[in-house]
């Protein structure tokens, strides 16, 4: 995988790269204790800078570690599907969320 040529990037190239960043979908797939969110809850980032409303701060803190990786297309550690990152909220009996980059218009 060859990285973009940032030294010779034009303004048009920059804007095209920015347009490819979002959106990102987060969906709860497991619930192991009490949580304000429900199984199947789904939220969308418009881009890594614009966090979805209604997501608890603890989960947003964990998601902050991964949103840019996902937006830039960095593969997941999940061998079964490298497009999906499975993230656990910080609560020891918390939730598991699938996080993936989606196409514009799918949100």
C-alpha atoms as a PDB file:
ATOM      1  CA  UNK A   1       0.000   0.000   0.000  1.00  0.00           C
ATOM      2  CA  UNK A   2       1.629   3.222  -1.161  1.00  0.00           C
ATOM      3  CA  UNK A   3       0.956   6.371   0.925  1.00  0.00           C
ATOM      4  CA  UNK A   4      -0.192   9.551  -0.830  1.00  0.00           C
ATOM      5  CA  UNK A   5       2.492  11.908  -2.114  1.00  0.00           C
ATOM      6  CA  UNK A   6       1.945  14.742   0.374  1.00  0.00           C
ATOM      7  CA  UNK A   7       4.895  16.817  -0.876  1.00  0.00           C
ATOM      8  CA  UNK A   8       3.351  17.243  -4.317  1.00  0.00           C
ATOM      9  CA  UNK A   9      -0.293  17.329  -3.215  1.00  0.00           C
ATOM     10  CA  UNK A  10      -2.384  20.025  -4.887  1.00  0.00           C
ATOM     11  CA  UNK A  11      -5.290  21.787  -3.191  1.00  0.00           C
ATOM     12  CA  UNK A  12      -7.665  19.652  -5.265  1.00  0.00           C
ATOM     13  CA  UNK A  13      -5.877  16.483  -4.088  1.00  0.00           C
ATOM     14  CA  UNK A  14      -6.151  17.678  -0.488  1.00  0.00           C
ATOM     15  CA  UNK A  15      -9.884  18.331  -0.754  1.00  0.00           C
ATOM     16  CA  UNK A  16     -10.457  14.986  -2.481  1.00  0.00           C
ATOM     17  CA  UNK A  17      -8.627  13.207   0.354  1.00  0.00           C
ATOM     18  CA  UNK A  18     -10.720  15.074   2.938  1.00  0.00           C
ATOM     19  CA  UNK A  19     -13.927  14.046   1.098  1.00  0.00           C
ATOM     20  CA  UNK A  20     -12.918  10.381   1.475  1.00  0.00           C
ATOM     21  CA  UNK A  21     -12.631  10.555   5.296  1.00  0.00           C
ATOM     22  CA  UNK A  22     -16.158  10.002   6.534  1.00  0.00           C
ATOM     23  CA  UNK A  23     -18.641   8.959   7.616  1.00  0.00           C
ATOM     24  CA  UNK A  24     -18.143   6.370  10.362  1.00  0.00           C
ATOM     25  CA  UNK A  25     -20.834   4.106  11.815  1.00  0.00           C
ATOM     26  CA  UNK A  26     -20.787   2.790  15.388  1.00  0.00           C
ATOM     27  CA  UNK A  27     -23.222   0.032  16.397  1.00  0.00           C
ATOM     28  CA  UNK A  28     -23.629  -1.765  19.730  1.00  0.00           C
ATOM     29  CA  UNK A  29     -23.357  -5.523  19.200  1.00  0.00           C
ATOM     30  CA  UNK A  30     -22.965  -6.788  22.791  1.00  0.00           C
ATOM     31  CA  UNK A  31     -24.193  -5.593  26.183  1.00  0.00           C
ATOM     32  CA  UNK A  32     -22.781  -7.139  29.381  1.00  0.00           C
ATOM     33  CA  UNK A  33     -24.174  -4.886  32.103  1.00  0.00           C
ATOM     34  CA  UNK A  34     -26.014  -1.662  32.706  1.00  0.00           C
ATOM     35  CA  UNK A  35     -25.677   0.999  30.051  1.00  0.00           C
ATOM     36  CA  UNK A  36     -27.808   3.874  28.812  1.00  0.00           C
ATOM     37  CA  UNK A  37     -27.435   2.481  25.286  1.00  0.00           C
ATOM     38  CA  UNK A  38     -29.394  -0.488  23.934  1.00  0.00           C
ATOM     39  CA  UNK A  39     -28.297  -3.432  21.824  1.00  0.00           C
ATOM     40  CA  UNK A  40     -28.416  -2.377  18.182  1.00  0.00           C
ATOM     41  CA  UNK A  41     -28.065   1.353  18.892  1.00  0.00           C
ATOM     42  CA  UNK A  42     -26.332   2.958  15.928  1.00  0.00           C
ATOM     43  CA  UNK A  43     -24.706   6.384  15.642  1.00  0.00           C
ATOM     44  CA  UNK A  44     -22.791   8.154  12.882  1.00  0.00           C
ATOM     45  CA  UNK A  45     -19.754  10.411  12.742  1.00  0.00           C
ATOM     46  CA  UNK A  46     -19.981  12.794   9.793  1.00  0.00           C
ATOM     47  CA  UNK A  47     -16.162  12.845   9.948  1.00  0.00           C
ATOM     48  CA  UNK A  48     -13.608  12.248  12.738  1.00  0.00           C
ATOM     49  CA  UNK A  49     -14.038  15.812  14.009  1.00  0.00           C
ATOM     50  CA  UNK A  50     -17.841  15.734  14.297  1.00  0.00           C
ATOM     51  CA  UNK A  51     -18.846  13.375  17.093  1.00  0.00           C
ATOM     52  CA  UNK A  52     -22.361  11.926  17.124  1.00  0.00           C
ATOM     53  CA  UNK A  53     -24.824  13.318  19.638  1.00  0.00           C
ATOM     54  CA  UNK A  54     -26.238  11.030  22.315  1.00  0.00           C
ATOM     55  CA  UNK A  55     -23.142   8.845  22.817  1.00  0.00           C
ATOM     56  CA  UNK A  56     -21.862   8.725  26.400  1.00  0.00           C
ATOM     57  CA  UNK A  57     -18.567  10.486  27.120  1.00  0.00           C
ATOM     58  CA  UNK A  58     -16.821   7.303  28.300  1.00  0.00           C
ATOM     59  CA  UNK A  59     -17.439   5.561  24.972  1.00  0.00           C
ATOM     60  CA  UNK A  60     -16.493   8.694  23.004  1.00  0.00           C
ATOM     61  CA  UNK A  61     -13.178   8.735  24.862  1.00  0.00           C
ATOM     62  CA  UNK A  62     -12.365   5.210  23.657  1.00  0.00           C
ATOM     63  CA  UNK A  63     -13.624   5.909  20.139  1.00  0.00           C
ATOM     64  CA  UNK A  64     -11.303   8.929  19.902  1.00  0.00           C
ATOM     65  CA  UNK A  65      -8.393   6.487  19.796  1.00  0.00           C
ATOM     66  CA  UNK A  66      -9.711   4.871  16.594  1.00  0.00           C
ATOM     67  CA  UNK A  67     -11.814   7.306  14.540  1.00  0.00           C
ATOM     68  CA  UNK A  68      -8.897   8.706  12.531  1.00  0.00           C
ATOM     69  CA  UNK A  69      -7.520   5.220  11.827  1.00  0.00           C
ATOM     70  CA  UNK A  70     -10.913   4.128  10.566  1.00  0.00           C
ATOM     71  CA  UNK A  71     -11.515   7.299   8.545  1.00  0.00           C
ATOM     72  CA  UNK A  72      -8.143   6.883   6.824  1.00  0.00           C
ATOM     73  CA  UNK A  73      -8.872   3.243   5.994  1.00  0.00           C
ATOM     74  CA  UNK A  74      -6.374   1.627   8.366  1.00  0.00           C
ATOM     75  CA  UNK A  75      -7.286  -2.085   8.605  1.00  0.00           C
ATOM     76  CA  UNK A  76      -8.751  -3.608  11.748  1.00  0.00           C
ATOM     77  CA  UNK A  77      -7.019  -6.266  13.841  1.00  0.00           C
ATOM     78  CA  UNK A  78     -10.154  -8.416  13.296  1.00  0.00           C
ATOM     79  CA  UNK A  79      -8.887 -11.130  10.946  1.00  0.00           C
ATOM     80  CA  UNK A  80     -12.417 -12.111   9.894  1.00  0.00           C
ATOM     81  CA  UNK A  81     -13.230  -8.643   8.552  1.00  0.00           C
ATOM     82  CA  UNK A  82     -10.505  -6.000   8.386  1.00  0.00           C
ATOM     83  CA  UNK A  83     -13.116  -3.271   7.713  1.00  0.00           C
ATOM     84  CA  UNK A  84     -14.707  -3.626  11.182  1.00  0.00           C
ATOM     85  CA  UNK A  85     -13.073  -2.554  14.452  1.00  0.00           C
ATOM     86  CA  UNK A  86     -14.645  -4.058  17.594  1.00  0.00           C
ATOM     87  CA  UNK A  87     -14.291  -1.637  20.499  1.00  0.00           C
ATOM     88  CA  UNK A  88     -15.171  -2.270  24.167  1.00  0.00           C
ATOM     89  CA  UNK A  89     -16.397   0.625  26.275  1.00  0.00           C
ATOM     90  CA  UNK A  90     -14.247   1.355  29.359  1.00  0.00           C
ATOM     91  CA  UNK A  91     -16.742  -0.123  31.843  1.00  0.00           C
ATOM     92  CA  UNK A  92     -15.638  -3.611  32.961  1.00  0.00           C
ATOM     93  CA  UNK A  93     -19.172  -4.941  32.358  1.00  0.00           C
ATOM     94  CA  UNK A  94     -19.798  -2.644  29.435  1.00  0.00           C
ATOM     95  CA  UNK A  95     -20.649  -2.889  25.794  1.00  0.00           C
ATOM     96  CA  UNK A  96     -18.985  -3.907  22.544  1.00  0.00           C
ATOM     97  CA  UNK A  97     -19.347  -1.731  19.468  1.00  0.00           C
ATOM     98  CA  UNK A  98     -18.589  -2.392  15.818  1.00  0.00           C
ATOM     99  CA  UNK A  99     -17.035   0.646  14.185  1.00  0.00           C
ATOM    100  CA  UNK A 100     -16.651   0.956  10.427  1.00  0.00           C
ATOM    101  CA  UNK A 101     -16.204   3.491   7.681  1.00  0.00           C
ATOM    102  CA  UNK A 102     -19.273   3.700   5.448  1.00  0.00           C
ATOM    103  CA  UNK A 103     -20.056   5.326   2.128  1.00  0.00           C
ATOM    104  CA  UNK A 104     -21.666   8.764   2.094  1.00  0.00           C
ATOM    105  CA  UNK A 105     -25.411   8.434   1.875  1.00  0.00           C
ATOM    106  CA  UNK A 106     -25.473   5.144   3.851  1.00  0.00           C
ATOM    107  CA  UNK A 107     -25.834   6.964   7.177  1.00  0.00           C
END
